[in-house]
Amino acid sequence: SVLPYIHDRKQFGQSIGEFQLIQGKVADMYTVLQAGRSFAYTVAKNLDMLGTDHVRQVRKDCASVILWCAEKATWMAGEGVQIFGGNGYINDYPLGRLWRDAKLYEIGAGTSEIRRMLIGRELFAETM
């Protein structure tokens, strides 16, 4: 929803997508999205290969990918709201809902703090 918007929304006689700051935000969002996809696919592939025989590794990696992707989803939705400005806050556009939905990943089924605790505990146990 951000890419069509930056073409349609005009400021100072031009699409806001022509502004360097908006281009930078969109580039960062794209890069984070691609990194998250790669991270998730890598963890899923490793889980398929390792199975449940390596519980600590699997648990740590799954918690890591959920933590990272959840926090980045919230960040990306926030960037979208920034790009949309006041329109990102009103119900005429889906960004407010997307931000709330993304935030739920950070607090539902285990908070980010719990995921960090699990990851730290597994790392500590691995080095004993």
N, C-alpha and C. Protein backbone atom coordinates (compact mmCIF):
# COMPACT_ATOMS: atom_id res chain seq x y z
N SER A 1 0.81 -1.20 0.00
CA SER A 1 0.00 0.00 0.00
C SER A 1 0.85 1.26 0.00
N VAL A 2 2.12 1.15 0.38
CA VAL A 2 2.98 2.34 0.41
C VAL A 2 3.40 2.74 -1.01
N LEU A 3 3.78 1.78 -1.84
CA LEU A 3 4.29 2.13 -3.17
C LEU A 3 3.25 2.84 -4.04
N PRO A 4 2.02 2.35 -4.13
CA PRO A 4 1.04 3.12 -4.90
C PRO A 4 0.81 4.52 -4.31
N TYR A 5 0.81 4.61 -2.99
CA TYR A 5 0.56 5.88 -2.33
C TYR A 5 1.62 6.92 -2.68
N ILE A 6 2.89 6.52 -2.70
CA ILE A 6 3.94 7.50 -2.97
C ILE A 6 3.91 7.99 -4.41
N HIS A 7 3.24 7.24 -5.29
CA HIS A 7 3.02 7.73 -6.66
C HIS A 7 1.84 8.70 -6.71
N ASP A 8 0.79 8.37 -5.97
CA ASP A 8 -0.45 9.15 -6.03
C ASP A 8 -0.39 10.45 -5.22
N ARG A 9 0.27 10.42 -4.09
CA ARG A 9 0.29 11.58 -3.18
C ARG A 9 1.23 12.64 -3.73
N LYS A 10 0.70 13.83 -3.88
CA LYS A 10 1.48 14.94 -4.43
C LYS A 10 1.73 16.00 -3.36
N GLN A 11 2.93 16.51 -3.36
CA GLN A 11 3.32 17.64 -2.53
C GLN A 11 4.24 18.53 -3.36
N PHE A 12 4.01 19.82 -3.28
CA PHE A 12 4.85 20.78 -4.01
C PHE A 12 4.90 20.46 -5.51
N GLY A 13 3.78 19.97 -6.03
CA GLY A 13 3.68 19.72 -7.47
C GLY A 13 4.31 18.44 -7.97
N GLN A 14 4.72 17.54 -7.08
CA GLN A 14 5.31 16.28 -7.53
C GLN A 14 4.93 15.14 -6.61
N SER A 15 5.07 13.91 -7.10
CA SER A 15 4.81 12.73 -6.28
C SER A 15 5.79 12.70 -5.12
N ILE A 16 5.32 12.31 -3.95
CA ILE A 16 6.24 12.27 -2.81
C ILE A 16 7.31 11.20 -3.00
N GLY A 17 7.07 10.24 -3.89
CA GLY A 17 8.07 9.22 -4.19
C GLY A 17 9.31 9.78 -4.86
N GLU A 18 9.24 11.02 -5.33
CA GLU A 18 10.40 11.66 -5.94
C GLU A 18 11.33 12.28 -4.90
N PHE A 19 10.87 12.38 -3.66
CA PHE A 19 11.69 12.96 -2.60
C PHE A 19 12.69 11.92 -2.09
N GLN A 20 13.92 12.36 -1.88
CA GLN A 20 14.98 11.45 -1.45
C GLN A 20 14.67 10.78 -0.12
N LEU A 21 14.10 11.50 0.82
CA LEU A 21 13.80 10.91 2.12
C LEU A 21 12.81 9.75 1.97
N ILE A 22 11.79 9.93 1.15
CA ILE A 22 10.81 8.87 0.92
C ILE A 22 11.48 7.69 0.22
N GLN A 23 12.31 7.97 -0.77
CA GLN A 23 13.03 6.89 -1.46
C GLN A 23 13.92 6.12 -0.49
N GLY A 24 14.55 6.83 0.43
CA GLY A 24 15.38 6.17 1.44
C GLY A 24 14.56 5.29 2.36
N LYS A 25 13.40 5.79 2.80
CA LYS A 25 12.53 5.00 3.67
C LYS A 25 12.06 3.74 2.95
N VAL A 26 11.64 3.89 1.69
CA VAL A 26 11.16 2.74 0.92
C VAL A 26 12.30 1.74 0.70
N ALA A 27 13.49 2.23 0.43
CA ALA A 27 14.65 1.34 0.25
C ALA A 27 14.95 0.57 1.53
N ASP A 28 14.90 1.26 2.66
CA ASP A 28 15.13 0.58 3.95
C ASP A 28 14.06 -0.46 4.22
N MET A 29 12.81 -0.12 3.93
CA MET A 29 11.70 -1.06 4.15
C MET A 29 11.87 -2.29 3.27
N TYR A 30 12.23 -2.10 2.02
CA TYR A 30 12.45 -3.22 1.10
C TYR A 30 13.58 -4.11 1.58
N THR A 31 14.67 -3.49 2.01
CA THR A 31 15.83 -4.25 2.48
C THR A 31 15.48 -5.07 3.72
N VAL A 32 14.76 -4.48 4.65
CA VAL A 32 14.34 -5.20 5.86
C VAL A 32 13.40 -6.35 5.50
N LEU A 33 12.48 -6.11 4.57
CA LEU A 33 11.57 -7.17 4.14
C LEU A 33 12.33 -8.34 3.54
N GLN A 34 13.28 -8.05 2.67
CA GLN A 34 14.06 -9.12 2.04
C GLN A 34 14.92 -9.87 3.07
N ALA A 35 15.50 -9.15 4.01
CA ALA A 35 16.30 -9.80 5.05
C ALA A 35 15.43 -10.70 5.92
N GLY A 36 14.25 -10.24 6.27
CA GLY A 36 13.33 -11.05 7.07
C GLY A 36 12.90 -12.31 6.35
N ARG A 37 12.60 -12.19 5.06
CA ARG A 37 12.24 -13.37 4.27
C ARG A 37 13.39 -14.37 4.25
N SER A 38 14.58 -13.87 3.99
CA SER A 38 15.74 -14.75 3.93
C SER A 38 15.97 -15.44 5.27
N PHE A 39 15.88 -14.70 6.35
CA PHE A 39 16.05 -15.24 7.70
C PHE A 39 15.01 -16.32 7.96
N ALA A 40 13.75 -16.03 7.66
CA ALA A 40 12.67 -17.00 7.93
C ALA A 40 12.85 -18.27 7.09
N TYR A 41 13.18 -18.11 5.81
CA TYR A 41 13.37 -19.28 4.96
C TYR A 41 14.57 -20.11 5.40
N THR A 42 15.63 -19.44 5.83
CA THR A 42 16.82 -20.16 6.30
C THR A 42 16.51 -20.96 7.56
N VAL A 43 15.81 -20.36 8.50
CA VAL A 43 15.45 -21.07 9.73
C VAL A 43 14.52 -22.24 9.41
N ALA A 44 13.56 -22.03 8.52
CA ALA A 44 12.64 -23.11 8.14
C ALA A 44 13.39 -24.26 7.47
N LYS A 45 14.33 -23.93 6.60
CA LYS A 45 15.12 -24.96 5.93
C LYS A 45 15.97 -25.73 6.94
N ASN A 46 16.59 -25.01 7.86
CA ASN A 46 17.39 -25.68 8.90
C ASN A 46 16.53 -26.55 9.79
N LEU A 47 15.33 -26.10 10.10
CA LEU A 47 14.41 -26.90 10.91
C LEU A 47 14.06 -28.19 10.17
N ASP A 48 13.80 -28.09 8.87
CA ASP A 48 13.52 -29.29 8.08
C ASP A 48 14.70 -30.25 8.09
N MET A 49 15.91 -29.71 8.01
CA MET A 49 17.11 -30.56 7.97
C MET A 49 17.46 -31.13 9.34
N LEU A 50 17.36 -30.33 10.39
CA LEU A 50 17.76 -30.76 11.73
C LEU A 50 16.69 -31.57 12.43
N GLY A 51 15.44 -31.25 12.16
CA GLY A 51 14.35 -31.92 12.86
C GLY A 51 14.38 -31.56 14.34
N THR A 52 13.81 -32.42 15.14
CA THR A 52 13.73 -32.15 16.58
C THR A 52 14.91 -32.72 17.35
N ASP A 53 15.89 -33.26 16.64
CA ASP A 53 17.06 -33.81 17.32
C ASP A 53 17.95 -32.71 17.91
N HIS A 54 17.82 -31.52 17.43
CA HIS A 54 18.64 -30.40 17.89
C HIS A 54 17.72 -29.33 18.49
N VAL A 55 17.07 -29.69 19.57
CA VAL A 55 16.02 -28.85 20.16
C VAL A 55 16.53 -27.46 20.51
N ARG A 56 17.69 -27.38 21.13
CA ARG A 56 18.20 -26.07 21.55
C ARG A 56 18.43 -25.15 20.34
N GLN A 57 19.05 -25.66 19.32
CA GLN A 57 19.32 -24.86 18.12
C GLN A 57 18.02 -24.42 17.47
N VAL A 58 17.09 -25.35 17.33
CA VAL A 58 15.80 -25.04 16.70
C VAL A 58 15.04 -24.01 17.52
N ARG A 59 14.98 -24.19 18.82
CA ARG A 59 14.24 -23.28 19.69
C ARG A 59 14.84 -21.88 19.63
N LYS A 60 16.15 -21.80 19.68
CA LYS A 60 16.83 -20.50 19.64
C LYS A 60 16.60 -19.81 18.30
N ASP A 61 16.75 -20.55 17.21
CA ASP A 61 16.59 -19.95 15.89
C ASP A 61 15.15 -19.53 15.62
N CYS A 62 14.20 -20.35 16.03
CA CYS A 62 12.78 -19.98 15.85
C CYS A 62 12.43 -18.74 16.65
N ALA A 63 12.89 -18.68 17.88
CA ALA A 63 12.63 -17.49 18.70
C ALA A 63 13.30 -16.26 18.08
N SER A 64 14.49 -16.45 17.53
CA SER A 64 15.22 -15.33 16.92
C SER A 64 14.49 -14.78 15.70
N VAL A 65 14.03 -15.67 14.84
CA VAL A 65 13.36 -15.20 13.62
C VAL A 65 12.02 -14.55 13.96
N ILE A 66 11.31 -15.08 14.94
CA ILE A 66 10.04 -14.47 15.34
C ILE A 66 10.30 -13.09 15.96
N LEU A 67 11.29 -13.01 16.82
CA LEU A 67 11.64 -11.73 17.45
C LEU A 67 11.99 -10.69 16.40
N TRP A 68 12.90 -11.04 15.52
CA TRP A 68 13.39 -10.08 14.53
C TRP A 68 12.28 -9.65 13.57
N CYS A 69 11.56 -10.62 13.03
CA CYS A 69 10.51 -10.29 12.06
C CYS A 69 9.37 -9.51 12.70
N ALA A 70 9.01 -9.86 13.93
CA ALA A 70 7.92 -9.14 14.61
C ALA A 70 8.30 -7.68 14.84
N GLU A 71 9.50 -7.45 15.34
CA GLU A 71 9.92 -6.08 15.60
C GLU A 71 10.10 -5.28 14.31
N LYS A 72 10.59 -5.93 13.28
CA LYS A 72 10.76 -5.24 12.00
C LYS A 72 9.42 -4.97 11.33
N ALA A 73 8.44 -5.85 11.51
CA ALA A 73 7.11 -5.60 10.96
C ALA A 73 6.50 -4.36 11.61
N THR A 74 6.67 -4.23 12.92
CA THR A 74 6.16 -3.05 13.61
C THR A 74 6.88 -1.80 13.12
N TRP A 75 8.18 -1.90 12.96
CA TRP A 75 8.97 -0.77 12.46
C TRP A 75 8.51 -0.38 11.05
N MET A 76 8.33 -1.39 10.18
CA MET A 76 7.91 -1.11 8.81
C MET A 76 6.54 -0.46 8.75
N ALA A 77 5.62 -0.94 9.56
CA ALA A 77 4.29 -0.34 9.60
C ALA A 77 4.38 1.11 10.09
N GLY A 78 5.25 1.34 11.06
CA GLY A 78 5.46 2.70 11.55
C GLY A 78 6.04 3.61 10.48
N GLU A 79 6.96 3.09 9.70
CA GLU A 79 7.52 3.86 8.59
C GLU A 79 6.43 4.18 7.57
N GLY A 80 5.55 3.20 7.33
CA GLY A 80 4.43 3.44 6.42
C GLY A 80 3.53 4.55 6.92
N VAL A 81 3.25 4.53 8.22
CA VAL A 81 2.43 5.60 8.81
C VAL A 81 3.13 6.95 8.62
N GLN A 82 4.44 6.99 8.81
CA GLN A 82 5.19 8.24 8.62
C GLN A 82 5.08 8.73 7.18
N ILE A 83 5.19 7.81 6.24
CA ILE A 83 5.11 8.18 4.82
C ILE A 83 3.71 8.71 4.50
N PHE A 84 2.70 8.08 5.05
CA PHE A 84 1.32 8.50 4.80
C PHE A 84 0.97 9.78 5.55
N GLY A 85 1.76 10.12 6.56
CA GLY A 85 1.45 11.31 7.35
C GLY A 85 0.13 11.12 8.08
N GLY A 86 -0.68 12.16 8.12
CA GLY A 86 -1.97 12.09 8.79
C GLY A 86 -2.88 11.02 8.21
N ASN A 87 -2.73 10.73 6.91
CA ASN A 87 -3.54 9.69 6.28
C ASN A 87 -3.21 8.30 6.84
N GLY A 88 -2.04 8.13 7.37
CA GLY A 88 -1.66 6.83 7.94
C GLY A 88 -2.36 6.54 9.25
N TYR A 89 -2.93 7.56 9.82
CA TYR A 89 -3.55 7.44 11.14
C TYR A 89 -5.06 7.24 11.06
N ILE A 90 -5.65 7.65 9.96
CA ILE A 90 -7.11 7.57 9.85
C ILE A 90 -7.53 6.22 9.27
N ASN A 91 -8.78 5.88 9.45
CA ASN A 91 -9.28 4.57 9.03
C ASN A 91 -9.54 4.45 7.54
N ASP A 92 -9.33 5.50 6.77
CA ASP A 92 -9.51 5.42 5.33
C ASP A 92 -8.40 4.60 4.66
N TYR A 93 -7.31 4.42 5.36
CA TYR A 93 -6.17 3.64 4.86
C TYR A 93 -5.87 2.53 5.86
N PRO A 94 -5.32 1.41 5.39
CA PRO A 94 -5.13 0.25 6.28
C PRO A 94 -3.91 0.31 7.19
N LEU A 95 -3.09 1.34 7.11
CA LEU A 95 -1.83 1.33 7.85
C LEU A 95 -1.98 1.29 9.35
N GLY A 96 -2.94 1.99 9.89
CA GLY A 96 -3.15 1.95 11.34
C GLY A 96 -3.46 0.54 11.81
N ARG A 97 -4.29 -0.17 11.04
CA ARG A 97 -4.60 -1.56 11.38
C ARG A 97 -3.37 -2.45 11.22
N LEU A 98 -2.61 -2.22 10.15
CA LEU A 98 -1.39 -3.01 9.94
C LEU A 98 -0.41 -2.82 11.09
N TRP A 99 -0.27 -1.58 11.57
CA TRP A 99 0.63 -1.33 12.69
C TRP A 99 0.15 -2.08 13.92
N ARG A 100 -1.14 -2.01 14.21
CA ARG A 100 -1.68 -2.73 15.38
C ARG A 100 -1.50 -4.23 15.23
N ASP A 101 -1.75 -4.76 14.03
CA ASP A 101 -1.56 -6.19 13.80
C ASP A 101 -0.10 -6.59 13.97
N ALA A 102 0.81 -5.78 13.45
CA ALA A 102 2.24 -6.08 13.58
C ALA A 102 2.66 -6.04 15.04
N LYS A 103 2.16 -5.08 15.78
CA LYS A 103 2.51 -4.96 17.21
C LYS A 103 2.07 -6.19 17.98
N LEU A 104 0.97 -6.80 17.57
CA LEU A 104 0.48 -8.00 18.23
C LEU A 104 1.51 -9.14 18.16
N TYR A 105 2.29 -9.20 17.07
CA TYR A 105 3.34 -10.22 16.97
C TYR A 105 4.40 -10.06 18.05
N GLU A 106 4.58 -8.85 18.53
CA GLU A 106 5.56 -8.60 19.59
C GLU A 106 5.03 -8.96 20.97
N ILE A 107 3.72 -9.03 21.12
CA ILE A 107 3.17 -9.29 22.46
C ILE A 107 2.35 -10.57 22.54
N GLY A 108 1.85 -11.06 21.42
CA GLY A 108 1.06 -12.29 21.43
C GLY A 108 1.95 -13.51 21.37
N ALA A 109 1.53 -14.59 21.98
CA ALA A 109 2.27 -15.86 21.97
C ALA A 109 3.70 -15.70 22.47
N GLY A 110 3.91 -14.84 23.44
CA GLY A 110 5.24 -14.61 24.01
C GLY A 110 5.77 -13.26 23.59
N THR A 111 6.08 -12.43 24.54
CA THR A 111 6.56 -11.08 24.23
C THR A 111 7.99 -11.12 23.69
N SER A 112 8.40 -10.00 23.13
CA SER A 112 9.78 -9.89 22.66
C SER A 112 10.76 -10.14 23.79
N GLU A 113 10.42 -9.68 24.99
CA GLU A 113 11.31 -9.88 26.14
C GLU A 113 11.44 -11.36 26.48
N ILE A 114 10.35 -12.10 26.39
CA ILE A 114 10.40 -13.55 26.64
C ILE A 114 11.25 -14.23 25.58
N ARG A 115 11.09 -13.82 24.34
CA ARG A 115 11.91 -14.40 23.27
C ARG A 115 13.39 -14.11 23.50
N ARG A 116 13.70 -12.90 23.92
CA ARG A 116 15.09 -12.56 24.23
C ARG A 116 15.62 -13.41 25.37
N MET A 117 14.81 -13.61 26.39
CA MET A 117 15.22 -14.44 27.52
C MET A 117 15.50 -15.86 27.06
N LEU A 118 14.63 -16.41 26.22
CA LEU A 118 14.82 -17.77 25.72
C LEU A 118 16.11 -17.86 24.90
N ILE A 119 16.33 -16.92 24.02
CA ILE A 119 17.53 -16.92 23.19
C ILE A 119 18.78 -16.81 24.06
N GLY A 120 18.77 -15.88 25.00
CA GLY A 120 19.91 -15.72 25.90
C GLY A 120 20.18 -16.96 26.73
N ARG A 121 19.13 -17.59 27.22
CA ARG A 121 19.28 -18.81 28.02
C ARG A 121 19.91 -19.92 27.18
N GLU A 122 19.45 -20.07 25.93
CA GLU A 122 20.01 -21.11 25.06
C GLU A 122 21.47 -20.82 24.72
N LEU A 123 21.79 -19.56 24.47
CA LEU A 123 23.19 -19.21 24.18
C LEU A 123 24.08 -19.48 25.39
N PHE A 124 23.59 -19.14 26.57
CA PHE A 124 24.34 -19.39 27.79
C PHE A 124 24.56 -20.89 27.99
N ALA A 125 23.52 -21.68 27.78
CA ALA A 125 23.62 -23.13 27.97
C ALA A 125 24.58 -23.76 26.95
N GLU A 126 24.62 -23.22 25.74
CA GLU A 126 25.51 -23.75 24.71
C GLU A 126 26.98 -23.57 25.07
N THR A 127 27.29 -22.57 25.86
CA THR A 127 28.69 -22.25 26.15
C THR A 127 29.17 -22.83 27.46
N MET A 128 28.35 -23.63 28.10
CA MET A 128 28.76 -24.25 29.37
C MET A 128 29.60 -25.48 29.10
